[in-house]
Amino acid sequence: MLAYLNVALTYVAVALGCAILMFYVARRPVPGHFWGALTVGLIGAVLGGIADQFLADVFERLADVNTVNLFAAAGTSLLCIWLLSRTGHPK
């Protein structure tokens, strides 16, 4: 049970870091502002974890923390937030 909590907290931490990076550092306009970025970042982090299950050979040498591949989770989370920022606000 504690292992699942560690995995969930790792996904939340990755999504939080990506949301802070995209919303405050890169200053991307995101629908829902910070909370929208965090929600989409969390969805992206989980999708990245699922992608890691299917592409384990590709991600084999990348760092794992609490059985979560940080590269897959962070990369997909950033991609999802970026896509949301591109579609959410017309220029």
N, C-alpha and C. Protein backbone atom coordinates (compact mmCIF):
# COMPACT_ATOMS: atom_id res chain seq x y z
N MET A 1 0.82 -1.20 0.00
CA MET A 1 0.00 0.00 0.00
C MET A 1 0.86 1.26 0.00
N LEU A 2 1.93 1.23 0.77
CA LEU A 2 2.83 2.38 0.83
C LEU A 2 3.54 2.61 -0.50
N ALA A 3 3.80 1.53 -1.23
CA ALA A 3 4.44 1.66 -2.54
C ALA A 3 3.56 2.44 -3.51
N TYR A 4 2.25 2.20 -3.48
CA TYR A 4 1.33 2.92 -4.35
C TYR A 4 1.28 4.40 -3.99
N LEU A 5 1.35 4.70 -2.69
CA LEU A 5 1.36 6.08 -2.26
C LEU A 5 2.63 6.79 -2.74
N ASN A 6 3.76 6.10 -2.67
CA ASN A 6 5.01 6.67 -3.17
C ASN A 6 4.95 6.96 -4.66
N VAL A 7 4.37 6.04 -5.42
CA VAL A 7 4.23 6.24 -6.87
C VAL A 7 3.31 7.42 -7.15
N ALA A 8 2.18 7.49 -6.45
CA ALA A 8 1.23 8.59 -6.66
C ALA A 8 1.86 9.93 -6.31
N LEU A 9 2.58 9.98 -5.21
CA LEU A 9 3.23 11.23 -4.81
C LEU A 9 4.33 11.64 -5.79
N THR A 10 4.99 10.66 -6.38
CA THR A 10 6.01 10.97 -7.38
C THR A 10 5.37 11.58 -8.63
N TYR A 11 4.25 11.03 -9.07
CA TYR A 11 3.54 11.60 -10.21
C TYR A 11 3.07 13.02 -9.91
N VAL A 12 2.55 13.24 -8.71
CA VAL A 12 2.09 14.58 -8.32
C VAL A 12 3.27 15.56 -8.30
N ALA A 13 4.41 15.12 -7.78
CA ALA A 13 5.59 15.99 -7.72
C ALA A 13 6.08 16.34 -9.12
N VAL A 14 6.09 15.37 -10.03
CA VAL A 14 6.50 15.64 -11.41
C VAL A 14 5.53 16.62 -12.07
N ALA A 15 4.24 16.40 -11.89
CA ALA A 15 3.23 17.29 -12.48
C ALA A 15 3.34 18.70 -11.89
N LEU A 16 3.57 18.79 -10.58
CA LEU A 16 3.71 20.09 -9.95
C LEU A 16 4.93 20.83 -10.48
N GLY A 17 6.04 20.14 -10.61
CA GLY A 17 7.24 20.76 -11.16
C GLY A 17 7.04 21.23 -12.58
N CYS A 18 6.38 20.41 -13.39
CA CYS A 18 6.13 20.80 -14.79
C CYS A 18 5.16 21.96 -14.88
N ALA A 19 4.14 21.98 -14.02
CA ALA A 19 3.18 23.09 -14.03
C ALA A 19 3.86 24.39 -13.62
N ILE A 20 4.72 24.34 -12.60
CA ILE A 20 5.45 25.54 -12.18
C ILE A 20 6.37 26.00 -13.31
N LEU A 21 7.05 25.06 -13.94
CA LEU A 21 7.96 25.41 -15.03
C LEU A 21 7.22 26.08 -16.19
N MET A 22 6.12 25.50 -16.61
CA MET A 22 5.41 26.04 -17.77
C MET A 22 4.63 27.31 -17.45
N PHE A 23 4.04 27.40 -16.24
CA PHE A 23 3.17 28.55 -15.94
C PHE A 23 3.95 29.74 -15.41
N TYR A 24 4.89 29.50 -14.50
CA TYR A 24 5.61 30.61 -13.87
C TYR A 24 6.94 30.93 -14.55
N VAL A 25 7.68 29.92 -14.98
CA VAL A 25 9.00 30.17 -15.56
C VAL A 25 8.87 30.51 -17.05
N ALA A 26 8.22 29.64 -17.81
CA ALA A 26 8.06 29.88 -19.25
C ALA A 26 6.94 30.88 -19.54
N ARG A 27 6.09 31.14 -18.54
CA ARG A 27 4.98 32.09 -18.65
C ARG A 27 4.07 31.80 -19.84
N ARG A 28 3.74 30.52 -19.99
CA ARG A 28 2.82 30.12 -21.05
C ARG A 28 1.39 30.38 -20.59
N PRO A 29 0.54 30.99 -21.42
CA PRO A 29 -0.87 31.15 -21.04
C PRO A 29 -1.57 29.80 -21.11
N VAL A 30 -2.19 29.41 -20.02
CA VAL A 30 -2.83 28.09 -19.93
C VAL A 30 -4.26 28.29 -19.45
N PRO A 31 -5.25 27.68 -20.13
CA PRO A 31 -6.62 27.75 -19.61
C PRO A 31 -6.68 27.15 -18.21
N GLY A 32 -7.36 27.83 -17.32
CA GLY A 32 -7.43 27.37 -15.95
C GLY A 32 -6.24 27.83 -15.13
N HIS A 33 -5.37 28.60 -15.76
CA HIS A 33 -4.17 29.15 -15.14
C HIS A 33 -3.33 28.04 -14.50
N PHE A 34 -2.86 28.24 -13.28
CA PHE A 34 -1.96 27.26 -12.66
C PHE A 34 -2.66 25.92 -12.42
N TRP A 35 -3.92 25.95 -11.98
CA TRP A 35 -4.62 24.70 -11.67
C TRP A 35 -4.90 23.90 -12.94
N GLY A 36 -5.15 24.57 -14.03
CA GLY A 36 -5.31 23.87 -15.31
C GLY A 36 -4.02 23.21 -15.74
N ALA A 37 -2.90 23.93 -15.56
CA ALA A 37 -1.60 23.36 -15.90
C ALA A 37 -1.29 22.17 -15.01
N LEU A 38 -1.62 22.27 -13.72
CA LEU A 38 -1.35 21.16 -12.80
C LEU A 38 -2.20 19.94 -13.14
N THR A 39 -3.47 20.15 -13.46
CA THR A 39 -4.35 19.03 -13.81
C THR A 39 -3.88 18.34 -15.08
N VAL A 40 -3.59 19.12 -16.10
CA VAL A 40 -3.13 18.53 -17.36
C VAL A 40 -1.75 17.91 -17.18
N GLY A 41 -0.92 18.54 -16.35
CA GLY A 41 0.39 17.96 -16.05
C GLY A 41 0.29 16.63 -15.37
N LEU A 42 -0.66 16.48 -14.46
CA LEU A 42 -0.86 15.20 -13.78
C LEU A 42 -1.35 14.13 -14.75
N ILE A 43 -2.25 14.50 -15.63
CA ILE A 43 -2.71 13.56 -16.66
C ILE A 43 -1.54 13.16 -17.56
N GLY A 44 -0.73 14.13 -17.94
CA GLY A 44 0.43 13.84 -18.78
C GLY A 44 1.45 12.96 -18.07
N ALA A 45 1.65 13.19 -16.78
CA ALA A 45 2.61 12.37 -16.03
C ALA A 45 2.15 10.92 -15.97
N VAL A 46 0.86 10.72 -15.74
CA VAL A 46 0.33 9.35 -15.71
C VAL A 46 0.40 8.71 -17.09
N LEU A 47 0.08 9.47 -18.14
CA LEU A 47 0.20 8.93 -19.50
C LEU A 47 1.65 8.59 -19.83
N GLY A 48 2.58 9.40 -19.32
CA GLY A 48 4.00 9.09 -19.51
C GLY A 48 4.40 7.82 -18.80
N GLY A 49 3.83 7.59 -17.62
CA GLY A 49 4.09 6.34 -16.90
C GLY A 49 3.55 5.14 -17.65
N ILE A 50 2.38 5.31 -18.27
CA ILE A 50 1.81 4.23 -19.08
C ILE A 50 2.67 3.98 -20.31
N ALA A 51 3.13 5.06 -20.95
CA ALA A 51 4.01 4.92 -22.11
C ALA A 51 5.29 4.19 -21.73
N ASP A 52 5.76 4.44 -20.52
CA ASP A 52 6.96 3.77 -20.04
C ASP A 52 6.75 2.26 -19.95
N GLN A 53 5.55 1.84 -19.62
CA GLN A 53 5.27 0.41 -19.55
C GLN A 53 5.39 -0.25 -20.92
N PHE A 54 4.99 0.47 -21.97
CA PHE A 54 5.04 -0.09 -23.32
C PHE A 54 6.39 0.10 -24.00
N LEU A 55 7.12 1.13 -23.61
CA LEU A 55 8.41 1.43 -24.22
C LEU A 55 9.54 1.25 -23.23
N ALA A 56 9.47 0.21 -22.43
CA ALA A 56 10.45 0.00 -21.36
C ALA A 56 11.87 -0.13 -21.90
N ASP A 57 12.03 -0.75 -23.06
CA ASP A 57 13.37 -0.91 -23.63
C ASP A 57 13.99 0.45 -23.98
N VAL A 58 13.17 1.38 -24.46
CA VAL A 58 13.67 2.69 -24.83
C VAL A 58 14.10 3.48 -23.59
N PHE A 59 13.31 3.38 -22.54
CA PHE A 59 13.56 4.16 -21.32
C PHE A 59 14.39 3.41 -20.29
N GLU A 60 14.93 2.26 -20.65
CA GLU A 60 15.61 1.38 -19.69
C GLU A 60 16.74 2.07 -18.94
N ARG A 61 17.52 2.87 -19.62
CA ARG A 61 18.69 3.48 -19.00
C ARG A 61 18.43 4.82 -18.33
N LEU A 62 17.19 5.28 -18.36
CA LEU A 62 16.87 6.57 -17.75
C LEU A 62 16.56 6.39 -16.27
N ALA A 63 16.69 7.45 -15.52
CA ALA A 63 16.56 7.38 -14.06
C ALA A 63 15.15 7.01 -13.64
N ASP A 64 15.05 6.16 -12.65
CA ASP A 64 13.79 5.77 -12.04
C ASP A 64 13.81 6.19 -10.58
N VAL A 65 12.72 6.79 -10.13
CA VAL A 65 12.55 7.16 -8.73
C VAL A 65 11.22 6.61 -8.27
N ASN A 66 11.21 5.80 -7.24
CA ASN A 66 9.99 5.17 -6.72
C ASN A 66 9.25 4.40 -7.81
N THR A 67 9.97 3.70 -8.63
CA THR A 67 9.48 2.91 -9.76
C THR A 67 8.77 3.76 -10.82
N VAL A 68 9.02 5.06 -10.83
CA VAL A 68 8.45 5.96 -11.83
C VAL A 68 9.60 6.48 -12.70
N ASN A 69 9.46 6.34 -14.01
CA ASN A 69 10.46 6.88 -14.92
C ASN A 69 10.23 8.37 -15.03
N LEU A 70 11.13 9.14 -14.48
CA LEU A 70 10.97 10.58 -14.44
C LEU A 70 10.99 11.21 -15.84
N PHE A 71 11.78 10.64 -16.74
CA PHE A 71 11.85 11.19 -18.10
C PHE A 71 10.50 11.06 -18.79
N ALA A 72 9.91 9.89 -18.73
CA ALA A 72 8.63 9.68 -19.40
C ALA A 72 7.52 10.52 -18.78
N ALA A 73 7.49 10.57 -17.46
CA ALA A 73 6.44 11.33 -16.78
C ALA A 73 6.59 12.82 -17.03
N ALA A 74 7.79 13.35 -16.86
CA ALA A 74 8.02 14.79 -17.05
C ALA A 74 7.86 15.19 -18.51
N GLY A 75 8.37 14.39 -19.42
CA GLY A 75 8.27 14.71 -20.84
C GLY A 75 6.83 14.76 -21.33
N THR A 76 6.04 13.79 -20.96
CA THR A 76 4.65 13.76 -21.39
C THR A 76 3.85 14.84 -20.69
N SER A 77 4.15 15.10 -19.43
CA SER A 77 3.47 16.16 -18.69
C SER A 77 3.73 17.52 -19.35
N LEU A 78 4.99 17.81 -19.67
CA LEU A 78 5.32 19.06 -20.34
C LEU A 78 4.67 19.15 -21.72
N LEU A 79 4.65 18.05 -22.44
CA LEU A 79 4.01 18.03 -23.76
C LEU A 79 2.52 18.35 -23.65
N CYS A 80 1.84 17.75 -22.69
CA CYS A 80 0.41 17.98 -22.53
C CYS A 80 0.11 19.43 -22.14
N ILE A 81 0.90 19.99 -21.22
CA ILE A 81 0.69 21.39 -20.83
C ILE A 81 0.98 22.31 -22.00
N TRP A 82 2.02 22.01 -22.77
CA TRP A 82 2.34 22.83 -23.94
C TRP A 82 1.20 22.78 -24.96
N LEU A 83 0.67 21.59 -25.21
CA LEU A 83 -0.45 21.47 -26.14
C LEU A 83 -1.66 22.23 -25.65
N LEU A 84 -1.93 22.16 -24.34
CA LEU A 84 -3.06 22.90 -23.78
C LEU A 84 -2.84 24.41 -23.95
N SER A 85 -1.63 24.88 -23.74
CA SER A 85 -1.37 26.31 -23.87
C SER A 85 -1.47 26.75 -25.33
N ARG A 86 -1.17 25.89 -26.25
CA ARG A 86 -1.27 26.23 -27.68
C ARG A 86 -2.72 26.30 -28.15
N THR A 87 -3.58 25.45 -27.60
CA THR A 87 -4.97 25.39 -28.07
C THR A 87 -5.91 26.25 -27.25
N GLY A 88 -5.51 26.64 -26.05
CA GLY A 88 -6.43 27.31 -25.16
C GLY A 88 -6.61 28.80 -25.39
N HIS A 89 -5.58 29.50 -25.82
CA HIS A 89 -5.66 30.94 -25.96
C HIS A 89 -5.36 31.35 -27.40
N PRO A 90 -6.35 31.91 -28.10
CA PRO A 90 -6.04 32.42 -29.45
C PRO A 90 -5.21 33.68 -29.36
N LYS A 91 -4.36 33.87 -30.33
CA LYS A 91 -3.47 35.04 -30.33
C LYS A 91 -4.11 36.21 -31.02
